All heavy atoms as atom14 arrays in JSON, in Angstrom:
{
  "sequence": "GLTVASLLAARDVPVLVVERKSTTSDEAKAISIDDESLRTFAASG",
  "atom14_mask": [
    [1, 1, 1, 1, 0, 0, 0, 0, 0, 0, 0, 0, 0, 0],
    [1, 1, 1, 1, 1, 1, 1, 1, 0, 0, 0, 0, 0, 0],
    [1, 1, 1, 1, 1, 1, 1, 0, 0, 0, 0, 0, 0, 0],
    [1, 1, 1, 1, 1, 1, 1, 0, 0, 0, 0, 0, 0, 0],
    [1, 1, 1, 1, 1, 0, 0, 0, 0, 0, 0, 0, 0, 0],
    [1, 1, 1, 1, 1, 1, 0, 0, 0, 0, 0, 0, 0, 0],
    [1, 1, 1, 1, 1, 1, 1, 1, 0, 0, 0, 0, 0, 0],
    [1, 1, 1, 1, 1, 1, 1, 1, 0, 0, 0, 0, 0, 0],
    [1, 1, 1, 1, 1, 0, 0, 0, 0, 0, 0, 0, 0, 0],
    [1, 1, 1, 1, 1, 0, 0, 0, 0, 0, 0, 0, 0, 0],
    [1, 1, 1, 1, 1, 1, 1, 1, 1, 1, 1, 0, 0, 0],
    [1, 1, 1, 1, 1, 1, 1, 1, 0, 0, 0, 0, 0, 0],
    [1, 1, 1, 1, 1, 1, 1, 0, 0, 0, 0, 0, 0, 0],
    [1, 1, 1, 1, 1, 1, 1, 0, 0, 0, 0, 0, 0, 0],
    [1, 1, 1, 1, 1, 1, 1, 0, 0, 0, 0, 0, 0, 0],
    [1, 1, 1, 1, 1, 1, 1, 1, 0, 0, 0, 0, 0, 0],
    [1, 1, 1, 1, 1, 1, 1, 0, 0, 0, 0, 0, 0, 0],
    [1, 1, 1, 1, 1, 1, 1, 0, 0, 0, 0, 0, 0, 0],
    [1, 1, 1, 1, 1, 1, 1, 1, 1, 0, 0, 0, 0, 0],
    [1, 1, 1, 1, 1, 1, 1, 1, 1, 1, 1, 0, 0, 0],
    [1, 1, 1, 1, 1, 1, 1, 1, 1, 0, 0, 0, 0, 0],
    [1, 1, 1, 1, 1, 1, 0, 0, 0, 0, 0, 0, 0, 0],
    [1, 1, 1, 1, 1, 1, 1, 0, 0, 0, 0, 0, 0, 0],
    [1, 1, 1, 1, 1, 1, 1, 0, 0, 0, 0, 0, 0, 0],
    [1, 1, 1, 1, 1, 1, 0, 0, 0, 0, 0, 0, 0, 0],
    [1, 1, 1, 1, 1, 1, 1, 1, 0, 0, 0, 0, 0, 0],
    [1, 1, 1, 1, 1, 1, 1, 1, 1, 0, 0, 0, 0, 0],
    [1, 1, 1, 1, 1, 0, 0, 0, 0, 0, 0, 0, 0, 0],
    [1, 1, 1, 1, 1, 1, 1, 1, 1, 0, 0, 0, 0, 0],
    [1, 1, 1, 1, 1, 0, 0, 0, 0, 0, 0, 0, 0, 0],
    [1, 1, 1, 1, 1, 1, 1, 1, 0, 0, 0, 0, 0, 0],
    [1, 1, 1, 1, 1, 1, 0, 0, 0, 0, 0, 0, 0, 0],
    [1, 1, 1, 1, 1, 1, 1, 1, 0, 0, 0, 0, 0, 0],
    [1, 1, 1, 1, 1, 1, 1, 1, 0, 0, 0, 0, 0, 0],
    [1, 1, 1, 1, 1, 1, 1, 1, 0, 0, 0, 0, 0, 0],
    [1, 1, 1, 1, 1, 1, 1, 1, 1, 0, 0, 0, 0, 0],
    [1, 1, 1, 1, 1, 1, 0, 0, 0, 0, 0, 0, 0, 0],
    [1, 1, 1, 1, 1, 1, 1, 1, 0, 0, 0, 0, 0, 0],
    [1, 1, 1, 1, 1, 1, 1, 1, 1, 1, 1, 0, 0, 0],
    [1, 1, 1, 1, 1, 1, 1, 0, 0, 0, 0, 0, 0, 0],
    [1, 1, 1, 1, 1, 1, 1, 1, 1, 1, 1, 0, 0, 0],
    [1, 1, 1, 1, 1, 0, 0, 0, 0, 0, 0, 0, 0, 0],
    [1, 1, 1, 1, 1, 0, 0, 0, 0, 0, 0, 0, 0, 0],
    [1, 1, 1, 1, 1, 1, 0, 0, 0, 0, 0, 0, 0, 0],
    [1, 1, 1, 1, 0, 0, 0, 0, 0, 0, 0, 0, 0, 0]
  ],
  "atom14_positions": [
    [[-58.72, -53.61, -7.08], [-58.28, -54.1, -8.38], [-56.8, -54.44, -8.4], [-56.39, -55.47, -8.95], [0.0, 0.0, 0.0], [0.0, 0.0, 0.0], [0.0, 0.0, 0.0], [0.0, 0.0, 0.0], [0.0, 0.0, 0.0], [0.0, 0.0, 0.0], [0.0, 0.0, 0.0], [0.0, 0.0, 0.0], [0.0, 0.0, 0.0], [0.0, 0.0, 0.0]],
    [[-55.98, -53.6, -7.8], [-54.54, -53.86, -7.76], [-54.22, -55.07, -6.89], [-53.3, -55.83, -7.19], [-53.8, -52.62, -7.26], [-53.89, -51.39, -8.18], [-53.34, -50.16, -7.48], [-53.13, -51.65, -9.49], [0.0, 0.0, 0.0], [0.0, 0.0, 0.0], [0.0, 0.0, 0.0], [0.0, 0.0, 0.0], [0.0, 0.0, 0.0], [0.0, 0.0, 0.0]],
    [[-54.99, -55.26, -5.82], [-54.75, -56.41, -4.95], [-55.08, -57.71, -5.67], [-54.29, -58.67, -5.64], [-55.59, -56.31, -3.67], [-55.21, -55.13, -2.95], [-55.36, -57.52, -2.78], [0.0, 0.0, 0.0], [0.0, 0.0, 0.0], [0.0, 0.0, 0.0], [0.0, 0.0, 0.0], [0.0, 0.0, 0.0], [0.0, 0.0, 0.0], [0.0, 0.0, 0.0]],
    [[-56.24, -57.78, -6.32], [-56.59, -59.03, -6.99], [-55.66, -59.28, -8.16], [-55.31, -60.44, -8.46], [-58.08, -59.02, -7.42], [-58.32, -58.13, -8.64], [-58.56, -60.44, -7.67], [0.0, 0.0, 0.0], [0.0, 0.0, 0.0], [0.0, 0.0, 0.0], [0.0, 0.0, 0.0], [0.0, 0.0, 0.0], [0.0, 0.0, 0.0], [0.0, 0.0, 0.0]],
    [[-55.2, -58.23, -8.83], [-54.24, -58.4, -9.92], [-52.93, -58.99, -9.39], [-52.35, -59.89, -10.0], [-53.97, -57.06, -10.6], [0.0, 0.0, 0.0], [0.0, 0.0, 0.0], [0.0, 0.0, 0.0], [0.0, 0.0, 0.0], [0.0, 0.0, 0.0], [0.0, 0.0, 0.0], [0.0, 0.0, 0.0], [0.0, 0.0, 0.0], [0.0, 0.0, 0.0]],
    [[-52.48, -58.5, -8.25], [-51.24, -59.01, -7.67], [-51.39, -60.46, -7.21], [-50.49, -61.28, -7.39], [-50.83, -58.13, -6.49], [-49.6, -58.56, -5.94], [0.0, 0.0, 0.0], [0.0, 0.0, 0.0], [0.0, 0.0, 0.0], [0.0, 0.0, 0.0], [0.0, 0.0, 0.0], [0.0, 0.0, 0.0], [0.0, 0.0, 0.0], [0.0, 0.0, 0.0]],
    [[-52.55, -60.78, -6.61], [-52.78, -62.16, -6.17], [-52.82, -63.12, -7.35], [-52.29, -64.24, -7.28], [-54.09, -62.23, -5.39], [-54.1, -61.59, -4.0], [-55.53, -61.48, -3.47], [-53.23, -62.38, -3.02], [0.0, 0.0, 0.0], [0.0, 0.0, 0.0], [0.0, 0.0, 0.0], [0.0, 0.0, 0.0], [0.0, 0.0, 0.0], [0.0, 0.0, 0.0]],
    [[-53.44, -62.7, -8.45], [-53.48, -63.55, -9.63], [-52.09, -63.71, -10.23], [-51.7, -64.82, -10.63], [-54.44, -62.95, -10.67], [-55.93, -63.04, -10.33], [-56.75, -62.2, -11.31], [-56.41, -64.49, -10.35], [0.0, 0.0, 0.0], [0.0, 0.0, 0.0], [0.0, 0.0, 0.0], [0.0, 0.0, 0.0], [0.0, 0.0, 0.0], [0.0, 0.0, 0.0]],
    [[-51.34, -62.61, -10.3], [-49.99, -62.68, -10.85], [-49.1, -63.61, -10.03], [-48.26, -64.32, -10.58], [-49.38, -61.28, -10.91], [0.0, 0.0, 0.0], [0.0, 0.0, 0.0], [0.0, 0.0, 0.0], [0.0, 0.0, 0.0], [0.0, 0.0, 0.0], [0.0, 0.0, 0.0], [0.0, 0.0, 0.0], [0.0, 0.0, 0.0], [0.0, 0.0, 0.0]],
    [[-49.3, -63.61, -8.71], [-48.53, -64.5, -7.85], [-48.83, -65.96, -8.15], [-48.03, -66.85, -7.81], [-48.82, -64.19, -6.38], [0.0, 0.0, 0.0], [0.0, 0.0, 0.0], [0.0, 0.0, 0.0], [0.0, 0.0, 0.0], [0.0, 0.0, 0.0], [0.0, 0.0, 0.0], [0.0, 0.0, 0.0], [0.0, 0.0, 0.0], [0.0, 0.0, 0.0]],
    [[-49.99, -66.22, -8.79], [-50.37, -67.59, -9.17], [-50.21, -67.8, -10.68], [-50.86, -68.68, -11.26], [-51.8, -67.86, -8.71], [-51.94, -67.82, -7.21], [-53.38, -68.0, -6.74], [-53.43, -67.96, -5.29], [-53.18, -68.99, -4.49], [-52.88, -70.16, -5.03], [-53.22, -68.88, -3.19], [0.0, 0.0, 0.0], [0.0, 0.0, 0.0], [0.0, 0.0, 0.0]],
    [[-49.36, -66.97, -11.28], [-48.98, -67.12, -12.69], [-50.16, -66.96, -13.65], [-50.24, -67.63, -14.68], [-48.3, -68.48, -12.93], [-47.0, -68.62, -12.17], [-46.29, -67.6, -12.04], [-46.71, -69.72, -11.68], [0.0, 0.0, 0.0], [0.0, 0.0, 0.0], [0.0, 0.0, 0.0], [0.0, 0.0, 0.0], [0.0, 0.0, 0.0], [0.0, 0.0, 0.0]],
    [[-51.08, -66.07, -13.31], [-52.18, -65.73, -14.2], [-51.9, -64.36, -14.79], [-51.75, -63.38, -14.04], [-53.53, -65.71, -13.45], [-54.66, -65.27, -14.38], [-53.84, -67.08, -12.85], [0.0, 0.0, 0.0], [0.0, 0.0, 0.0], [0.0, 0.0, 0.0], [0.0, 0.0, 0.0], [0.0, 0.0, 0.0], [0.0, 0.0, 0.0], [0.0, 0.0, 0.0]],
    [[-51.81, -64.21, -16.1], [-51.56, -62.9, -16.7], [-52.77, -61.99, -16.56], [-53.92, -62.44, -16.69], [-51.26, -63.22, -18.17], [-51.95, -64.53, -18.41], [-51.9, -65.28, -17.11], [0.0, 0.0, 0.0], [0.0, 0.0, 0.0], [0.0, 0.0, 0.0], [0.0, 0.0, 0.0], [0.0, 0.0, 0.0], [0.0, 0.0, 0.0], [0.0, 0.0, 0.0]],
    [[-52.52, -60.72, -16.32], [-53.59, -59.78, -16.0], [-53.39, -58.47, -16.76], [-52.26, -57.96, -16.85], [-53.63, -59.48, -14.48], [-54.77, -58.51, -14.16], [-53.79, -60.76, -13.68], [0.0, 0.0, 0.0], [0.0, 0.0, 0.0], [0.0, 0.0, 0.0], [0.0, 0.0, 0.0], [0.0, 0.0, 0.0], [0.0, 0.0, 0.0], [0.0, 0.0, 0.0]],
    [[-54.5, -57.92, -17.27], [-54.53, -56.55, -17.79], [-55.42, -55.73, -16.87], [-56.58, -56.08, -16.65], [-55.1, -56.52, -19.22], [-55.45, -55.14, -19.78], [-54.2, -54.26, -19.88], [-56.15, -55.27, -21.13], [0.0, 0.0, 0.0], [0.0, 0.0, 0.0], [0.0, 0.0, 0.0], [0.0, 0.0, 0.0], [0.0, 0.0, 0.0], [0.0, 0.0, 0.0]],
    [[-54.88, -54.64, -16.32], [-55.64, -53.73, -15.47], [-55.89, -52.45, -16.25], [-54.94, -51.85, -16.77], [-54.88, -53.4, -14.16], [-55.72, -52.48, -13.27], [-54.51, -54.67, -13.41], [0.0, 0.0, 0.0], [0.0, 0.0, 0.0], [0.0, 0.0, 0.0], [0.0, 0.0, 0.0], [0.0, 0.0, 0.0], [0.0, 0.0, 0.0], [0.0, 0.0, 0.0]],
    [[-57.16, -52.03, -16.35], [-57.46, -50.76, -17.02], [-58.12, -49.82, -16.02], [-58.89, -50.24, -15.16], [-58.37, -50.96, -18.25], [-57.68, -51.81, -19.3], [-59.72, -51.56, -17.87], [0.0, 0.0, 0.0], [0.0, 0.0, 0.0], [0.0, 0.0, 0.0], [0.0, 0.0, 0.0], [0.0, 0.0, 0.0], [0.0, 0.0, 0.0], [0.0, 0.0, 0.0]],
    [[-57.78, -48.55, -16.15], [-58.3, -47.51, -15.26], [-58.59, -46.28, -16.09], [-57.73, -45.79, -16.82], [-57.27, -47.19, -14.17], [-57.55, -45.94, -13.35], [-58.9, -45.98, -12.65], [-59.16, -46.95, -11.93], [-59.7, -45.03, -12.86], [0.0, 0.0, 0.0], [0.0, 0.0, 0.0], [0.0, 0.0, 0.0], [0.0, 0.0, 0.0], [0.0, 0.0, 0.0]],
    [[-59.83, -45.78, -16.0], [-60.22, -44.65, -16.84], [-59.5, -43.37, -16.45], [-59.31, -42.49, -17.29], [-61.73, -44.46, -16.81], [-62.29, -43.96, -15.5], [-63.82, -43.79, -15.59], [-64.23, -43.12, -16.81], [-64.22, -41.81, -16.97], [-63.83, -41.02, -15.97], [-64.61, -41.27, -18.1], [0.0, 0.0, 0.0], [0.0, 0.0, 0.0], [0.0, 0.0, 0.0]],
    [[-59.09, -43.22, -15.2], [-58.35, -42.03, -14.8], [-56.93, -42.09, -15.37], [-56.43, -43.16, -15.7], [-58.29, -41.91, -13.28], [-59.66, -41.69, -12.63], [-59.53, -41.6, -11.12], [-60.89, -41.4, -10.45], [-60.79, -41.37, -8.97], [0.0, 0.0, 0.0], [0.0, 0.0, 0.0], [0.0, 0.0, 0.0], [0.0, 0.0, 0.0], [0.0, 0.0, 0.0]],
    [[-56.3, -40.93, -15.45], [-54.98, -40.87, -16.06], [-53.87, -41.32, -15.12], [-52.75, -41.59, -15.56], [-54.69, -39.44, -16.54], [-54.72, -38.53, -15.44], [0.0, 0.0, 0.0], [0.0, 0.0, 0.0], [0.0, 0.0, 0.0], [0.0, 0.0, 0.0], [0.0, 0.0, 0.0], [0.0, 0.0, 0.0], [0.0, 0.0, 0.0], [0.0, 0.0, 0.0]],
    [[-54.17, -41.4, -13.84], [-53.17, -41.82, -12.86], [-53.9, -42.32, -11.62], [-55.14, -42.37, -11.61], [-52.22, -40.66, -12.5], [-51.2, -41.14, -11.62], [-52.98, -39.53, -11.82], [0.0, 0.0, 0.0], [0.0, 0.0, 0.0], [0.0, 0.0, 0.0], [0.0, 0.0, 0.0], [0.0, 0.0, 0.0], [0.0, 0.0, 0.0], [0.0, 0.0, 0.0]],
    [[-53.16, -42.69, -10.6], [-53.8, -43.14, -9.38], [-54.57, -41.99, -8.74], [-54.3, -40.81, -8.99], [-52.77, -43.68, -8.38], [-51.77, -42.66, -8.14], [-52.09, -44.93, -8.89], [0.0, 0.0, 0.0], [0.0, 0.0, 0.0], [0.0, 0.0, 0.0], [0.0, 0.0, 0.0], [0.0, 0.0, 0.0], [0.0, 0.0, 0.0], [0.0, 0.0, 0.0]],
    [[-55.51, -42.34, -7.88], [-56.39, -41.35, -7.28], [-55.63, -40.44, -6.31], [-54.71, -40.87, -5.62], [-57.52, -42.05, -6.52], [-58.32, -41.11, -5.83], [0.0, 0.0, 0.0], [0.0, 0.0, 0.0], [0.0, 0.0, 0.0], [0.0, 0.0, 0.0], [0.0, 0.0, 0.0], [0.0, 0.0, 0.0], [0.0, 0.0, 0.0], [0.0, 0.0, 0.0]],
    [[-56.01, -39.14, -6.3], [-55.45, -38.22, -5.32], [-56.44, -37.96, -4.19], [-56.27, -37.06, -3.38], [-55.05, -36.9, -5.97], [-56.24, -36.18, -6.61], [-57.36, -36.75, -6.63], [-56.06, -35.04, -7.08], [0.0, 0.0, 0.0], [0.0, 0.0, 0.0], [0.0, 0.0, 0.0], [0.0, 0.0, 0.0], [0.0, 0.0, 0.0], [0.0, 0.0, 0.0]],
    [[-57.51, -38.77, -4.15], [-58.53, -38.61, -3.12], [-58.3, -39.6, -1.99], [-58.17, -40.8, -2.22], [-59.93, -38.82, -3.71], [-60.3, -37.79, -4.76], [-61.71, -37.97, -5.26], [-62.37, -38.95, -4.84], [-62.15, -37.15, -6.07], [0.0, 0.0, 0.0], [0.0, 0.0, 0.0], [0.0, 0.0, 0.0], [0.0, 0.0, 0.0], [0.0, 0.0, 0.0]],
    [[-58.23, -39.07, -0.77], [-58.02, -39.93, 0.4], [-59.37, -40.48, 0.86], [-60.04, -39.89, 1.7], [-57.34, -39.15, 1.51], [0.0, 0.0, 0.0], [0.0, 0.0, 0.0], [0.0, 0.0, 0.0], [0.0, 0.0, 0.0], [0.0, 0.0, 0.0], [0.0, 0.0, 0.0], [0.0, 0.0, 0.0], [0.0, 0.0, 0.0], [0.0, 0.0, 0.0]],
    [[-59.79, -41.58, 0.29], [-61.1, -42.15, 0.61], [-60.99, -43.04, 1.84], [-61.24, -42.62, 2.95], [-61.62, -42.93, -0.6], [-61.74, -42.08, -1.87], [-62.01, -42.94, -3.08], [-61.98, -42.12, -4.36], [-62.1, -42.96, -5.57], [0.0, 0.0, 0.0], [0.0, 0.0, 0.0], [0.0, 0.0, 0.0], [0.0, 0.0, 0.0], [0.0, 0.0, 0.0]],
    [[-60.61, -44.31, 1.65], [-60.43, -45.21, 2.78], [-59.2, -44.79, 3.59], [-58.23, -44.24, 3.04], [-60.28, -46.65, 2.29], [0.0, 0.0, 0.0], [0.0, 0.0, 0.0], [0.0, 0.0, 0.0], [0.0, 0.0, 0.0], [0.0, 0.0, 0.0], [0.0, 0.0, 0.0], [0.0, 0.0, 0.0], [0.0, 0.0, 0.0], [0.0, 0.0, 0.0]],
    [[-59.23, -45.07, 4.88], [-58.09, -44.68, 5.74], [-57.68, -45.77, 6.71], [-56.81, -45.54, 7.55], [-58.4, -43.39, 6.53], [-59.67, -43.58, 7.37], [-58.51, -42.19, 5.61], [-59.95, -42.4, 8.3], [0.0, 0.0, 0.0], [0.0, 0.0, 0.0], [0.0, 0.0, 0.0], [0.0, 0.0, 0.0], [0.0, 0.0, 0.0], [0.0, 0.0, 0.0]],
    [[-58.27, -46.97, 6.61], [-57.96, -48.01, 7.58], [-57.82, -49.37, 6.91], [-58.68, -49.77, 6.13], [-59.06, -48.07, 8.65], [-58.79, -49.09, 9.6], [0.0, 0.0, 0.0], [0.0, 0.0, 0.0], [0.0, 0.0, 0.0], [0.0, 0.0, 0.0], [0.0, 0.0, 0.0], [0.0, 0.0, 0.0], [0.0, 0.0, 0.0], [0.0, 0.0, 0.0]],
    [[-56.72, -50.04, 7.21], [-56.47, -51.4, 6.74], [-56.37, -52.3, 7.97], [-55.66, -51.98, 8.92], [-55.16, -51.5, 5.94], [-55.23, -50.67, 4.65], [-54.86, -52.96, 5.58], [-53.94, -50.65, 3.88], [0.0, 0.0, 0.0], [0.0, 0.0, 0.0], [0.0, 0.0, 0.0], [0.0, 0.0, 0.0], [0.0, 0.0, 0.0], [0.0, 0.0, 0.0]],
    [[-57.06, -53.45, 7.94], [-56.98, -54.33, 9.09], [-55.98, -55.45, 8.87], [-55.33, -55.55, 7.81], [-58.37, -54.86, 9.47], [-58.99, -55.76, 8.41], [-58.26, -56.27, 7.53], [-60.21, -55.96, 8.45], [0.0, 0.0, 0.0], [0.0, 0.0, 0.0], [0.0, 0.0, 0.0], [0.0, 0.0, 0.0], [0.0, 0.0, 0.0], [0.0, 0.0, 0.0]],
    [[-55.83, -56.31, 9.89], [-54.82, -57.36, 9.84], [-55.14, -58.42, 8.8], [-54.23, -59.02, 8.22], [-54.65, -57.99, 11.22], [-55.96, -58.43, 11.86], [-57.03, -58.09, 11.32], [-55.91, -59.09, 12.91], [0.0, 0.0, 0.0], [0.0, 0.0, 0.0], [0.0, 0.0, 0.0], [0.0, 0.0, 0.0], [0.0, 0.0, 0.0], [0.0, 0.0, 0.0]],
    [[-56.41, -58.68, 8.54], [-56.77, -59.65, 7.51], [-56.33, -59.16, 6.14], [-55.84, -59.94, 5.31], [-58.26, -59.93, 7.54], [-58.69, -61.07, 6.64], [-60.15, -61.43, 6.79], [-60.85, -60.8, 7.61], [-60.6, -62.34, 6.07], [0.0, 0.0, 0.0], [0.0, 0.0, 0.0], [0.0, 0.0, 0.0], [0.0, 0.0, 0.0], [0.0, 0.0, 0.0]],
    [[-56.49, -57.85, 5.89], [-56.03, -57.3, 4.61], [-54.52, -57.38, 4.48], [-53.98, -57.73, 3.42], [-56.5, -55.85, 4.46], [-57.9, -55.77, 4.35], [0.0, 0.0, 0.0], [0.0, 0.0, 0.0], [0.0, 0.0, 0.0], [0.0, 0.0, 0.0], [0.0, 0.0, 0.0], [0.0, 0.0, 0.0], [0.0, 0.0, 0.0], [0.0, 0.0, 0.0]],
    [[-53.8, -57.08, 5.56], [-52.34, -57.18, 5.51], [-51.91, -58.62, 5.26], [-50.93, -58.87, 4.56], [-51.73, -56.66, 6.81], [-51.75, -55.14, 6.99], [-51.22, -54.76, 8.37], [-50.91, -54.45, 5.91], [0.0, 0.0, 0.0], [0.0, 0.0, 0.0], [0.0, 0.0, 0.0], [0.0, 0.0, 0.0], [0.0, 0.0, 0.0], [0.0, 0.0, 0.0]],
    [[-52.63, -59.56, 5.82], [-52.31, -60.98, 5.58], [-52.5, -61.3, 4.1], [-51.72, -62.06, 3.51], [-53.21, -61.85, 6.44], [-52.84, -63.33, 6.45], [-53.77, -64.12, 7.35], [-53.29, -65.47, 7.58], [-53.91, -66.37, 8.31], [-55.07, -66.05, 8.89], [-53.41, -67.58, 8.46], [0.0, 0.0, 0.0], [0.0, 0.0, 0.0], [0.0, 0.0, 0.0]],
    [[-53.55, -60.74, 3.49], [-53.76, -60.94, 2.06], [-52.65, -60.29, 1.25], [-52.16, -60.88, 0.27], [-55.13, -60.36, 1.65], [-56.17, -61.05, 2.35], [-55.36, -60.48, 0.16], [0.0, 0.0, 0.0], [0.0, 0.0, 0.0], [0.0, 0.0, 0.0], [0.0, 0.0, 0.0], [0.0, 0.0, 0.0], [0.0, 0.0, 0.0], [0.0, 0.0, 0.0]],
    [[-52.24, -59.09, 1.61], [-51.12, -58.45, 0.91], [-49.87, -59.32, 1.01], [-49.1, -59.44, 0.06], [-50.84, -57.07, 1.48], [-51.85, -56.02, 1.08], [-52.45, -55.22, 2.04], [-52.2, -55.83, -0.23], [-53.38, -54.25, 1.68], [-53.13, -54.87, -0.61], [-53.73, -54.08, 0.36], [0.0, 0.0, 0.0], [0.0, 0.0, 0.0], [0.0, 0.0, 0.0]],
    [[-49.66, -59.92, 2.17], [-48.48, -60.77, 2.34], [-48.52, -61.96, 1.39], [-47.47, -62.42, 0.92], [-48.39, -61.25, 3.79], [0.0, 0.0, 0.0], [0.0, 0.0, 0.0], [0.0, 0.0, 0.0], [0.0, 0.0, 0.0], [0.0, 0.0, 0.0], [0.0, 0.0, 0.0], [0.0, 0.0, 0.0], [0.0, 0.0, 0.0], [0.0, 0.0, 0.0]],
    [[-49.72, -62.46, 1.09], [-49.85, -63.62, 0.2], [-49.33, -63.32, -1.2], [-48.96, -64.24, -1.93], [-51.3, -64.07, 0.14], [0.0, 0.0, 0.0], [0.0, 0.0, 0.0], [0.0, 0.0, 0.0], [0.0, 0.0, 0.0], [0.0, 0.0, 0.0], [0.0, 0.0, 0.0], [0.0, 0.0, 0.0], [0.0, 0.0, 0.0], [0.0, 0.0, 0.0]],
    [[-49.31, -62.05, -1.59], [-48.78, -61.69, -2.91], [-47.49, -60.9, -2.81], [-47.07, -60.27, -3.77], [-49.83, -60.87, -3.69], [-50.12, -59.67, -3.01], [0.0, 0.0, 0.0], [0.0, 0.0, 0.0], [0.0, 0.0, 0.0], [0.0, 0.0, 0.0], [0.0, 0.0, 0.0], [0.0, 0.0, 0.0], [0.0, 0.0, 0.0], [0.0, 0.0, 0.0]],
    [[-46.87, -60.92, -1.63], [-45.58, -60.26, -1.46], [-45.64, -58.76, -1.31], [-44.63, -58.07, -1.5], [0.0, 0.0, 0.0], [0.0, 0.0, 0.0], [0.0, 0.0, 0.0], [0.0, 0.0, 0.0], [0.0, 0.0, 0.0], [0.0, 0.0, 0.0], [0.0, 0.0, 0.0], [0.0, 0.0, 0.0], [0.0, 0.0, 0.0], [0.0, 0.0, 0.0]]
  ]
}
């Protein structure tokens, strides 16, 4: 959700993100990011 929000914002699209939890997760779920994901992160700075 945060990635797509950032990508949209980089293209001048206003975004509202809602999350039912009170803060970011404290659970270590995923543990691996690949190079394609990093390339996507780079697209939104």
